[in-house]
Amino acid sequence: MNLWLRLLAVLIASLFRPRLGLIDLSVLRFRVWPHDLDVNVHMNNARYLALMDLGRLDMIIRGKLWRTVLRERWQPVLAGSVVRYRRPLRPFQRFSLTSRLIAWDDRWIYMEHRVETEEGLSCQALMRGAFVGKNGVVPPSKVIEAAGFSGPSPKVPAWVESWRDLDTAFEQAPAELPVEQGEAA
């Protein structure tokens, strides 16, 4: 239920907050509630990812993209993520989620999310995603154009390139892990 309330709050607030340009930062502020916690009494790993969904939603609504997304029935989807957890978030702790579009290429749109407190970085994630329409994946260039941006993609940072290289290595890895003799399948 908590995520539905946060979703509703972000939707309503996004309608009244200043508009965002394509590469502007979205900043949302939250607090850790008891139902965000895991057995270690800090915010559950999955909750970070769920809140990052709200950061991307804020970027879509406050940018110029939401009308096209609704009209064309595009669905935002993630194709991969790399997450670094640095500091735990404790019960009732306040934190901010900063989301930004980093770059895009022929296949993907790359975004970064940062969860920070007064003490510093708690979590950082790199996401790769796309929009899917009735005819399949929408080319990122069409999404960027629908957002009202006419310039080229910002240069892909080296740390994003490293992830793309790792992703290529994953694609070349064997599909199945070998099962050792005596292990249950």
N, C-alpha and C. Protein backbone atom coordinates (compact mmCIF):
# COMPACT_ATOMS: atom_id res chain seq x y z
N MET A 1 0.83 -1.20 0.00
CA MET A 1 0.00 0.00 0.00
C MET A 1 0.87 1.26 0.00
N ASN A 2 1.98 1.18 0.72
CA ASN A 2 2.87 2.33 0.82
C ASN A 2 3.31 2.84 -0.54
N LEU A 3 3.65 1.93 -1.45
CA LEU A 3 4.10 2.38 -2.78
C LEU A 3 2.97 3.05 -3.54
N TRP A 4 1.74 2.58 -3.37
CA TRP A 4 0.61 3.23 -4.04
C TRP A 4 0.43 4.66 -3.54
N LEU A 5 0.60 4.86 -2.24
CA LEU A 5 0.48 6.22 -1.69
C LEU A 5 1.62 7.10 -2.19
N ARG A 6 2.82 6.55 -2.23
CA ARG A 6 3.95 7.32 -2.75
C ARG A 6 3.75 7.62 -4.24
N LEU A 7 3.25 6.65 -4.99
CA LEU A 7 2.96 6.86 -6.41
C LEU A 7 1.97 8.00 -6.58
N LEU A 8 0.90 7.98 -5.84
CA LEU A 8 -0.11 9.03 -5.92
C LEU A 8 0.49 10.39 -5.55
N ALA A 9 1.31 10.42 -4.50
CA ALA A 9 1.94 11.67 -4.08
C ALA A 9 2.86 12.22 -5.18
N VAL A 10 3.65 11.35 -5.81
CA VAL A 10 4.55 11.79 -6.88
C VAL A 10 3.74 12.28 -8.08
N LEU A 11 2.68 11.56 -8.45
CA LEU A 11 1.84 11.98 -9.57
C LEU A 11 1.27 13.38 -9.34
N ILE A 12 0.69 13.59 -8.18
CA ILE A 12 0.07 14.89 -7.89
C ILE A 12 1.12 15.99 -7.81
N ALA A 13 2.21 15.73 -7.08
CA ALA A 13 3.26 16.75 -6.93
C ALA A 13 3.89 17.09 -8.27
N SER A 14 4.05 16.11 -9.14
CA SER A 14 4.69 16.34 -10.45
C SER A 14 3.89 17.31 -11.31
N LEU A 15 2.59 17.34 -11.11
CA LEU A 15 1.75 18.25 -11.88
C LEU A 15 1.96 19.71 -11.50
N PHE A 16 2.46 19.94 -10.28
CA PHE A 16 2.61 21.30 -9.78
C PHE A 16 4.07 21.76 -9.67
N ARG A 17 4.99 20.86 -9.83
CA ARG A 17 6.41 21.21 -9.75
C ARG A 17 6.88 21.76 -11.09
N PRO A 18 8.00 22.48 -11.10
CA PRO A 18 8.52 23.04 -12.36
C PRO A 18 8.81 21.93 -13.38
N ARG A 19 8.64 22.27 -14.64
CA ARG A 19 8.91 21.33 -15.74
C ARG A 19 10.41 21.03 -15.80
N LEU A 20 10.73 19.88 -16.35
CA LEU A 20 12.12 19.47 -16.50
C LEU A 20 12.50 19.41 -17.97
N GLY A 21 13.72 19.82 -18.28
CA GLY A 21 14.29 19.56 -19.58
C GLY A 21 14.78 18.12 -19.61
N LEU A 22 15.09 17.63 -20.77
CA LEU A 22 15.45 16.22 -20.94
C LEU A 22 16.60 15.78 -20.05
N ILE A 23 17.59 16.62 -19.89
CA ILE A 23 18.76 16.21 -19.11
C ILE A 23 18.84 16.91 -17.75
N ASP A 24 17.72 17.49 -17.29
CA ASP A 24 17.66 18.10 -15.97
C ASP A 24 17.54 17.02 -14.90
N LEU A 25 17.88 17.39 -13.67
CA LEU A 25 17.79 16.47 -12.54
C LEU A 25 16.38 16.47 -11.96
N SER A 26 15.88 15.30 -11.64
CA SER A 26 14.65 15.14 -10.86
C SER A 26 15.08 14.81 -9.44
N VAL A 27 14.56 15.55 -8.46
CA VAL A 27 14.89 15.27 -7.07
C VAL A 27 13.58 15.05 -6.31
N LEU A 28 13.47 13.88 -5.69
CA LEU A 28 12.32 13.54 -4.86
C LEU A 28 12.83 13.28 -3.44
N ARG A 29 12.01 13.67 -2.46
CA ARG A 29 12.41 13.46 -1.07
C ARG A 29 11.45 12.47 -0.42
N PHE A 30 12.03 11.56 0.36
CA PHE A 30 11.26 10.52 1.02
C PHE A 30 11.76 10.34 2.45
N ARG A 31 11.05 9.47 3.15
CA ARG A 31 11.45 9.03 4.49
C ARG A 31 11.30 7.51 4.51
N VAL A 32 12.17 6.84 5.26
CA VAL A 32 12.10 5.39 5.41
C VAL A 32 11.00 5.07 6.43
N TRP A 33 10.02 4.31 6.01
CA TRP A 33 8.92 3.90 6.89
C TRP A 33 9.12 2.45 7.31
N PRO A 34 8.49 2.03 8.40
CA PRO A 34 8.68 0.66 8.89
C PRO A 34 8.44 -0.43 7.83
N HIS A 35 7.50 -0.24 6.94
CA HIS A 35 7.25 -1.27 5.93
C HIS A 35 8.27 -1.24 4.77
N ASP A 36 9.24 -0.34 4.84
CA ASP A 36 10.35 -0.33 3.87
C ASP A 36 11.51 -1.21 4.36
N LEU A 37 11.44 -1.69 5.58
CA LEU A 37 12.57 -2.34 6.22
C LEU A 37 12.64 -3.84 5.93
N ASP A 38 13.86 -4.36 6.03
CA ASP A 38 14.05 -5.81 5.93
C ASP A 38 14.41 -6.35 7.32
N VAL A 39 14.82 -7.60 7.40
CA VAL A 39 15.10 -8.22 8.71
C VAL A 39 16.32 -7.59 9.40
N ASN A 40 17.14 -6.86 8.67
CA ASN A 40 18.28 -6.17 9.26
C ASN A 40 17.94 -4.77 9.75
N VAL A 41 16.67 -4.42 9.68
CA VAL A 41 16.14 -3.13 10.13
C VAL A 41 16.80 -1.97 9.39
N HIS A 42 16.97 -2.13 8.10
CA HIS A 42 17.31 -1.02 7.21
C HIS A 42 16.51 -1.22 5.93
N MET A 43 16.53 -0.21 5.07
CA MET A 43 15.68 -0.28 3.88
C MET A 43 16.07 -1.48 3.01
N ASN A 44 15.04 -2.20 2.60
CA ASN A 44 15.20 -3.38 1.77
C ASN A 44 15.75 -3.00 0.40
N ASN A 45 16.64 -3.86 -0.16
CA ASN A 45 17.25 -3.58 -1.47
C ASN A 45 16.19 -3.34 -2.55
N ALA A 46 15.15 -4.14 -2.56
CA ALA A 46 14.12 -4.02 -3.59
C ALA A 46 13.37 -2.70 -3.49
N ARG A 47 13.26 -2.15 -2.29
CA ARG A 47 12.54 -0.88 -2.13
C ARG A 47 13.28 0.25 -2.83
N TYR A 48 14.61 0.22 -2.83
CA TYR A 48 15.37 1.23 -3.56
C TYR A 48 14.94 1.23 -5.03
N LEU A 49 14.88 0.04 -5.61
CA LEU A 49 14.53 -0.07 -7.03
C LEU A 49 13.12 0.39 -7.30
N ALA A 50 12.18 0.08 -6.39
CA ALA A 50 10.80 0.53 -6.55
C ALA A 50 10.71 2.06 -6.49
N LEU A 51 11.49 2.67 -5.62
CA LEU A 51 11.47 4.13 -5.53
C LEU A 51 12.12 4.76 -6.77
N MET A 52 13.09 4.07 -7.34
CA MET A 52 13.71 4.57 -8.57
C MET A 52 12.70 4.59 -9.72
N ASP A 53 11.74 3.67 -9.70
CA ASP A 53 10.63 3.73 -10.67
C ASP A 53 9.91 5.06 -10.56
N LEU A 54 9.71 5.53 -9.33
CA LEU A 54 9.03 6.81 -9.12
C LEU A 54 9.88 7.98 -9.63
N GLY A 55 11.19 7.87 -9.52
CA GLY A 55 12.07 8.90 -10.07
C GLY A 55 11.93 9.00 -11.58
N ARG A 56 11.86 7.84 -12.24
CA ARG A 56 11.69 7.85 -13.69
C ARG A 56 10.31 8.38 -14.08
N LEU A 57 9.30 8.04 -13.29
CA LEU A 57 7.95 8.56 -13.54
C LEU A 57 7.93 10.08 -13.42
N ASP A 58 8.59 10.60 -12.41
CA ASP A 58 8.66 12.06 -12.24
C ASP A 58 9.32 12.71 -13.45
N MET A 59 10.37 12.09 -13.98
CA MET A 59 11.05 12.63 -15.16
C MET A 59 10.10 12.63 -16.38
N ILE A 60 9.30 11.59 -16.52
CA ILE A 60 8.36 11.50 -17.66
C ILE A 60 7.27 12.56 -17.53
N ILE A 61 6.70 12.69 -16.33
CA ILE A 61 5.59 13.63 -16.14
C ILE A 61 6.06 15.07 -16.22
N ARG A 62 7.15 15.40 -15.55
CA ARG A 62 7.62 16.78 -15.52
C ARG A 62 8.35 17.18 -16.80
N GLY A 63 8.75 16.20 -17.58
CA GLY A 63 9.31 16.47 -18.89
C GLY A 63 8.16 16.62 -19.88
N LYS A 64 8.47 16.68 -21.13
CA LYS A 64 7.43 16.85 -22.14
C LYS A 64 6.98 15.52 -22.73
N LEU A 65 7.24 14.45 -22.03
CA LEU A 65 7.04 13.13 -22.61
C LEU A 65 5.70 12.49 -22.27
N TRP A 66 5.09 12.86 -21.16
CA TRP A 66 3.93 12.13 -20.67
C TRP A 66 2.75 12.12 -21.64
N ARG A 67 2.51 13.21 -22.35
CA ARG A 67 1.38 13.22 -23.30
C ARG A 67 1.58 12.20 -24.42
N THR A 68 2.80 12.15 -24.95
CA THR A 68 3.11 11.19 -26.01
C THR A 68 3.02 9.77 -25.48
N VAL A 69 3.53 9.54 -24.28
CA VAL A 69 3.48 8.21 -23.68
C VAL A 69 2.03 7.74 -23.56
N LEU A 70 1.15 8.61 -23.11
CA LEU A 70 -0.27 8.24 -22.99
C LEU A 70 -0.93 8.06 -24.35
N ARG A 71 -0.71 9.01 -25.25
CA ARG A 71 -1.35 8.96 -26.58
C ARG A 71 -0.90 7.74 -27.38
N GLU A 72 0.39 7.46 -27.36
CA GLU A 72 0.95 6.35 -28.13
C GLU A 72 0.90 5.01 -27.37
N ARG A 73 0.50 5.09 -26.10
CA ARG A 73 0.46 3.90 -25.23
C ARG A 73 1.83 3.23 -25.10
N TRP A 74 2.85 4.07 -24.98
CA TRP A 74 4.19 3.56 -24.76
C TRP A 74 4.31 3.11 -23.31
N GLN A 75 5.05 2.05 -23.11
CA GLN A 75 5.32 1.57 -21.76
C GLN A 75 6.82 1.62 -21.51
N PRO A 76 7.23 2.31 -20.43
CA PRO A 76 8.66 2.32 -20.11
C PRO A 76 9.04 0.96 -19.51
N VAL A 77 10.14 0.40 -19.97
CA VAL A 77 10.63 -0.88 -19.46
C VAL A 77 12.13 -0.79 -19.19
N LEU A 78 12.57 -1.53 -18.22
CA LEU A 78 14.00 -1.62 -17.93
C LEU A 78 14.57 -2.86 -18.58
N ALA A 79 15.78 -2.74 -19.05
CA ALA A 79 16.46 -3.88 -19.67
C ALA A 79 17.68 -4.30 -18.86
N GLY A 80 18.05 -3.50 -17.88
CA GLY A 80 19.20 -3.87 -17.07
C GLY A 80 19.51 -2.80 -16.04
N SER A 81 20.20 -3.21 -15.01
CA SER A 81 20.61 -2.25 -13.98
C SER A 81 21.85 -2.76 -13.26
N VAL A 82 22.61 -1.82 -12.77
CA VAL A 82 23.75 -2.09 -11.91
C VAL A 82 23.54 -1.21 -10.69
N VAL A 83 23.57 -1.81 -9.51
CA VAL A 83 23.27 -1.08 -8.28
C VAL A 83 24.42 -1.24 -7.30
N ARG A 84 24.80 -0.12 -6.69
CA ARG A 84 25.82 -0.11 -5.63
C ARG A 84 25.16 0.38 -4.35
N TYR A 85 25.22 -0.42 -3.31
CA TYR A 85 24.70 -0.01 -2.01
C TYR A 85 25.89 0.41 -1.15
N ARG A 86 25.87 1.64 -0.65
CA ARG A 86 27.02 2.17 0.08
C ARG A 86 26.76 2.32 1.58
N ARG A 87 25.61 2.87 1.96
CA ARG A 87 25.27 3.09 3.38
C ARG A 87 23.82 2.68 3.58
N PRO A 88 23.52 2.07 4.71
CA PRO A 88 22.12 1.68 4.95
C PRO A 88 21.25 2.89 5.27
N LEU A 89 19.98 2.77 4.96
CA LEU A 89 18.99 3.76 5.37
C LEU A 89 18.22 3.17 6.55
N ARG A 90 18.18 3.89 7.64
CA ARG A 90 17.57 3.43 8.89
C ARG A 90 16.12 3.89 9.00
N PRO A 91 15.37 3.30 9.92
CA PRO A 91 13.96 3.69 10.09
C PRO A 91 13.81 5.20 10.30
N PHE A 92 12.84 5.76 9.60
CA PHE A 92 12.44 7.17 9.69
C PHE A 92 13.48 8.15 9.16
N GLN A 93 14.56 7.65 8.58
CA GLN A 93 15.59 8.52 8.04
C GLN A 93 15.08 9.19 6.77
N ARG A 94 15.40 10.47 6.63
CA ARG A 94 15.05 11.21 5.41
C ARG A 94 16.15 10.99 4.37
N PHE A 95 15.73 10.97 3.11
CA PHE A 95 16.69 10.82 2.03
C PHE A 95 16.13 11.44 0.76
N SER A 96 17.01 11.71 -0.18
CA SER A 96 16.58 12.23 -1.48
C SER A 96 16.97 11.25 -2.56
N LEU A 97 16.16 11.21 -3.59
CA LEU A 97 16.41 10.39 -4.78
C LEU A 97 16.60 11.35 -5.94
N THR A 98 17.79 11.35 -6.52
CA THR A 98 18.07 12.18 -7.68
C THR A 98 18.15 11.28 -8.90
N SER A 99 17.40 11.64 -9.93
CA SER A 99 17.36 10.84 -11.17
C SER A 99 17.75 11.73 -12.33
N ARG A 100 18.47 11.15 -13.27
CA ARG A 100 18.84 11.93 -14.46
C ARG A 100 19.06 10.99 -15.65
N LEU A 101 18.81 11.53 -16.81
CA LEU A 101 19.11 10.83 -18.05
C LEU A 101 20.57 11.12 -18.36
N ILE A 102 21.33 10.07 -18.62
CA ILE A 102 22.76 10.25 -18.89
C ILE A 102 23.03 10.39 -20.38
N ALA A 103 22.49 9.46 -21.16
CA ALA A 103 22.77 9.43 -22.60
C ALA A 103 21.82 8.43 -23.25
N TRP A 104 21.91 8.31 -24.57
CA TRP A 104 21.15 7.31 -25.30
C TRP A 104 21.95 6.88 -26.52
N ASP A 105 21.63 5.71 -27.01
CA ASP A 105 22.26 5.22 -28.22
C ASP A 105 21.18 4.64 -29.13
N ASP A 106 21.53 3.79 -30.06
CA ASP A 106 20.56 3.23 -31.01
C ASP A 106 19.51 2.34 -30.35
N ARG A 107 19.88 1.74 -29.19
CA ARG A 107 18.98 0.77 -28.55
C ARG A 107 18.42 1.22 -27.22
N TRP A 108 19.21 1.95 -26.42
CA TRP A 108 18.85 2.17 -25.02
C TRP A 108 18.94 3.63 -24.60
N ILE A 109 18.21 3.90 -23.54
CA ILE A 109 18.31 5.18 -22.83
C ILE A 109 18.95 4.84 -21.48
N TYR A 110 20.00 5.56 -21.10
CA TYR A 110 20.73 5.30 -19.86
C TYR A 110 20.40 6.37 -18.83
N MET A 111 20.09 5.92 -17.61
CA MET A 111 19.72 6.83 -16.53
C MET A 111 20.52 6.48 -15.27
N GLU A 112 20.72 7.47 -14.45
CA GLU A 112 21.37 7.27 -13.16
C GLU A 112 20.40 7.69 -12.06
N HIS A 113 20.43 6.94 -10.96
CA HIS A 113 19.68 7.27 -9.76
C HIS A 113 20.66 7.30 -8.59
N ARG A 114 20.52 8.31 -7.74
CA ARG A 114 21.35 8.42 -6.54
C ARG A 114 20.45 8.63 -5.34
N VAL A 115 20.63 7.81 -4.32
CA VAL A 115 19.92 7.97 -3.05
C VAL A 115 20.93 8.52 -2.06
N GLU A 116 20.61 9.70 -1.50
CA GLU A 116 21.56 10.37 -0.63
C GLU A 116 20.89 10.88 0.65
N THR A 117 21.69 10.92 1.71
CA THR A 117 21.27 11.48 2.99
C THR A 117 22.25 12.58 3.35
N GLU A 118 22.08 13.16 4.52
CA GLU A 118 23.04 14.17 4.98
C GLU A 118 24.44 13.58 5.13
N GLU A 119 24.51 12.27 5.39
CA GLU A 119 25.81 11.60 5.55
C GLU A 119 26.49 11.31 4.22
N GLY A 120 25.76 11.35 3.11
CA GLY A 120 26.36 11.08 1.82
C GLY A 120 25.58 10.05 1.02
N LEU A 121 26.25 9.45 0.06
CA LEU A 121 25.63 8.50 -0.86
C LEU A 121 25.26 7.20 -0.16
N SER A 122 24.00 6.77 -0.33
CA SER A 122 23.55 5.49 0.21
C SER A 122 23.47 4.44 -0.89
N CYS A 123 23.04 4.86 -2.06
CA CYS A 123 22.85 3.91 -3.15
C CYS A 123 22.97 4.65 -4.48
N GLN A 124 23.59 3.99 -5.44
CA GLN A 124 23.71 4.55 -6.79
C GLN A 124 23.36 3.44 -7.77
N ALA A 125 22.58 3.79 -8.79
CA ALA A 125 22.18 2.79 -9.79
C ALA A 125 22.29 3.37 -11.19
N LEU A 126 22.73 2.52 -12.09
CA LEU A 126 22.73 2.83 -13.50
C LEU A 126 21.66 1.94 -14.13
N MET A 127 20.75 2.54 -14.86
CA MET A 127 19.66 1.79 -15.49
C MET A 127 19.73 1.97 -17.00
N ARG A 128 19.30 0.92 -17.68
CA ARG A 128 19.20 0.96 -19.13
C ARG A 128 17.77 0.57 -19.45
N GLY A 129 17.10 1.40 -20.26
CA GLY A 129 15.71 1.10 -20.56
C GLY A 129 15.30 1.58 -21.93
N ALA A 130 14.04 1.36 -22.20
CA ALA A 130 13.45 1.76 -23.48
C ALA A 130 11.95 1.94 -23.27
N PHE A 131 11.29 2.36 -24.32
CA PHE A 131 9.83 2.42 -24.34
C PHE A 131 9.35 1.42 -25.36
N VAL A 132 8.29 0.71 -25.02
CA VAL A 132 7.70 -0.27 -25.92
C VAL A 132 6.33 0.23 -26.32
N GLY A 133 6.06 0.22 -27.64
CA GLY A 133 4.76 0.62 -28.17
C GLY A 133 4.09 -0.55 -28.85
N LYS A 134 3.01 -0.27 -29.54
CA LYS A 134 2.24 -1.36 -30.17
C LYS A 134 3.05 -2.09 -31.25
N ASN A 135 4.07 -1.44 -31.81
CA ASN A 135 4.90 -2.07 -32.84
C ASN A 135 6.26 -2.52 -32.32
N GLY A 136 6.40 -2.63 -31.00
CA GLY A 136 7.67 -3.06 -30.42
C GLY A 136 8.43 -1.91 -29.79
N VAL A 137 9.73 -2.08 -29.69
CA VAL A 137 10.58 -1.08 -29.04
C VAL A 137 10.62 0.20 -29.86
N VAL A 138 10.38 1.32 -29.18
CA VAL A 138 10.41 2.62 -29.83
C VAL A 138 11.88 3.08 -29.89
N PRO A 139 12.37 3.46 -31.06
CA PRO A 139 13.77 3.91 -31.14
C PRO A 139 14.02 5.08 -30.17
N PRO A 140 15.12 5.03 -29.43
CA PRO A 140 15.40 6.12 -28.49
C PRO A 140 15.37 7.50 -29.15
N SER A 141 15.80 7.61 -30.40
CA SER A 141 15.78 8.91 -31.06
C SER A 141 14.36 9.46 -31.17
N LYS A 142 13.38 8.59 -31.36
CA LYS A 142 11.98 9.02 -31.43
C LYS A 142 11.47 9.46 -30.05
N VAL A 143 11.90 8.78 -29.01
CA VAL A 143 11.53 9.16 -27.64
C VAL A 143 12.13 10.52 -27.31
N ILE A 144 13.39 10.70 -27.64
CA ILE A 144 14.08 11.96 -27.35
C ILE A 144 13.42 13.11 -28.10
N GLU A 145 13.05 12.87 -29.35
CA GLU A 145 12.35 13.89 -30.14
C GLU A 145 11.00 14.21 -29.52
N ALA A 146 10.27 13.20 -29.06
CA ALA A 146 8.96 13.42 -28.42
C ALA A 146 9.10 14.22 -27.13
N ALA A 147 10.28 14.15 -26.50
CA ALA A 147 10.53 14.91 -25.28
C ALA A 147 10.92 16.36 -25.59
N GLY A 148 10.97 16.70 -26.87
CA GLY A 148 11.26 18.08 -27.26
C GLY A 148 12.74 18.41 -27.30
N PHE A 149 13.59 17.40 -27.41
CA PHE A 149 15.03 17.62 -27.44
C PHE A 149 15.52 17.34 -28.84
N SER A 150 16.29 18.28 -29.39
CA SER A 150 16.74 18.11 -30.77
C SER A 150 18.25 17.90 -30.91
N GLY A 151 18.97 17.99 -29.82
CA GLY A 151 20.42 17.86 -29.90
C GLY A 151 20.87 16.41 -29.87
N PRO A 152 22.18 16.21 -30.02
CA PRO A 152 22.72 14.86 -29.93
C PRO A 152 22.75 14.38 -28.48
N SER A 153 22.97 13.09 -28.32
CA SER A 153 23.11 12.52 -26.98
C SER A 153 24.35 13.10 -26.31
N PRO A 154 24.27 13.34 -25.01
CA PRO A 154 25.51 13.66 -24.30
C PRO A 154 26.49 12.50 -24.48
N LYS A 155 27.77 12.80 -24.37
CA LYS A 155 28.79 11.76 -24.51
C LYS A 155 28.57 10.70 -23.43
N VAL A 156 28.64 9.45 -23.83
CA VAL A 156 28.48 8.35 -22.88
C VAL A 156 29.72 8.30 -21.99
N PRO A 157 29.54 8.47 -20.67
CA PRO A 157 30.71 8.44 -19.78
C PRO A 157 31.41 7.08 -19.80
N ALA A 158 32.69 7.08 -19.46
CA ALA A 158 33.49 5.85 -19.47
C ALA A 158 32.90 4.78 -18.57
N TRP A 159 32.34 5.17 -17.41
CA TRP A 159 31.79 4.17 -16.49
C TRP A 159 30.55 3.51 -17.07
N VAL A 160 29.81 4.20 -17.94
CA VAL A 160 28.67 3.59 -18.62
C VAL A 160 29.18 2.66 -19.73
N GLU A 161 30.23 3.08 -20.42
CA GLU A 161 30.85 2.23 -21.45
C GLU A 161 31.33 0.91 -20.84
N SER A 162 31.91 0.98 -19.64
CA SER A 162 32.37 -0.23 -18.97
C SER A 162 31.22 -1.21 -18.75
N TRP A 163 30.07 -0.68 -18.36
CA TRP A 163 28.91 -1.53 -18.15
C TRP A 163 28.44 -2.14 -19.46
N ARG A 164 28.47 -1.33 -20.54
CA ARG A 164 28.06 -1.87 -21.84
C ARG A 164 29.00 -3.00 -22.26
N ASP A 165 30.29 -2.86 -21.98
CA ASP A 165 31.25 -3.93 -22.28
C ASP A 165 30.93 -5.18 -21.47
N LEU A 166 30.60 -5.02 -20.19
CA LEU A 166 30.24 -6.14 -19.35
C LEU A 166 28.97 -6.82 -19.87
N ASP A 167 28.01 -6.02 -20.31
CA ASP A 167 26.77 -6.56 -20.85
C ASP A 167 27.04 -7.42 -22.09
N THR A 168 27.95 -6.96 -22.94
CA THR A 168 28.33 -7.74 -24.12
C THR A 168 28.95 -9.07 -23.69
N ALA A 169 29.77 -9.05 -22.65
CA ALA A 169 30.38 -10.28 -22.15
C ALA A 169 29.30 -11.23 -21.62
N PHE A 170 28.29 -10.70 -20.94
CA PHE A 170 27.18 -11.54 -20.46
C PHE A 170 26.46 -12.21 -21.63
N GLU A 171 26.26 -11.47 -22.71
CA GLU A 171 25.57 -12.04 -23.86
C GLU A 171 26.36 -13.19 -24.48
N GLN A 172 27.67 -13.17 -24.35
CA GLN A 172 28.51 -14.21 -24.93
C GLN A 172 28.73 -15.39 -23.97
N ALA A 173 28.30 -15.25 -22.72
CA ALA A 173 28.47 -16.32 -21.74
C ALA A 173 27.55 -17.48 -22.06
N PRO A 174 27.91 -18.69 -21.63
CA PRO A 174 27.02 -19.83 -21.86
C PRO A 174 25.66 -19.59 -21.20
N ALA A 175 24.63 -20.14 -21.82
CA ALA A 175 23.27 -19.94 -21.33
C ALA A 175 23.00 -20.66 -20.02
N GLU A 176 23.68 -21.78 -19.78
CA GLU A 176 23.45 -22.56 -18.58
C GLU A 176 24.73 -22.72 -17.79
N LEU A 177 24.58 -22.76 -16.50
CA LEU A 177 25.72 -23.06 -15.64
C LEU A 177 25.85 -24.58 -15.56
N PRO A 178 27.05 -25.09 -15.59
CA PRO A 178 27.21 -26.54 -15.49
C PRO A 178 26.80 -27.00 -14.10
N VAL A 179 26.19 -28.16 -14.02
CA VAL A 179 25.81 -28.74 -12.74
C VAL A 179 26.88 -29.76 -12.35
N GLU A 180 27.44 -29.57 -11.18
CA GLU A 180 28.46 -30.50 -10.69
C GLU A 180 27.83 -31.83 -10.33
N GLN A 181 28.56 -32.91 -10.47
CA GLN A 181 28.06 -34.22 -10.09
C GLN A 181 27.72 -34.23 -8.62
N GLY A 182 26.60 -34.81 -8.28
CA GLY A 182 26.18 -34.90 -6.89
C GLY A 182 25.33 -33.73 -6.43
N GLU A 183 25.20 -32.67 -7.25
CA GLU A 183 24.37 -31.54 -6.88
C GLU A 183 22.97 -31.73 -7.44
N ALA A 184 22.00 -31.23 -6.74
CA ALA A 184 20.61 -31.30 -7.21
C ALA A 184 20.44 -30.30 -8.33
N ALA A 185 19.67 -30.68 -9.33
CA ALA A 185 19.45 -29.80 -10.48
C ALA A 185 18.39 -28.78 -10.19
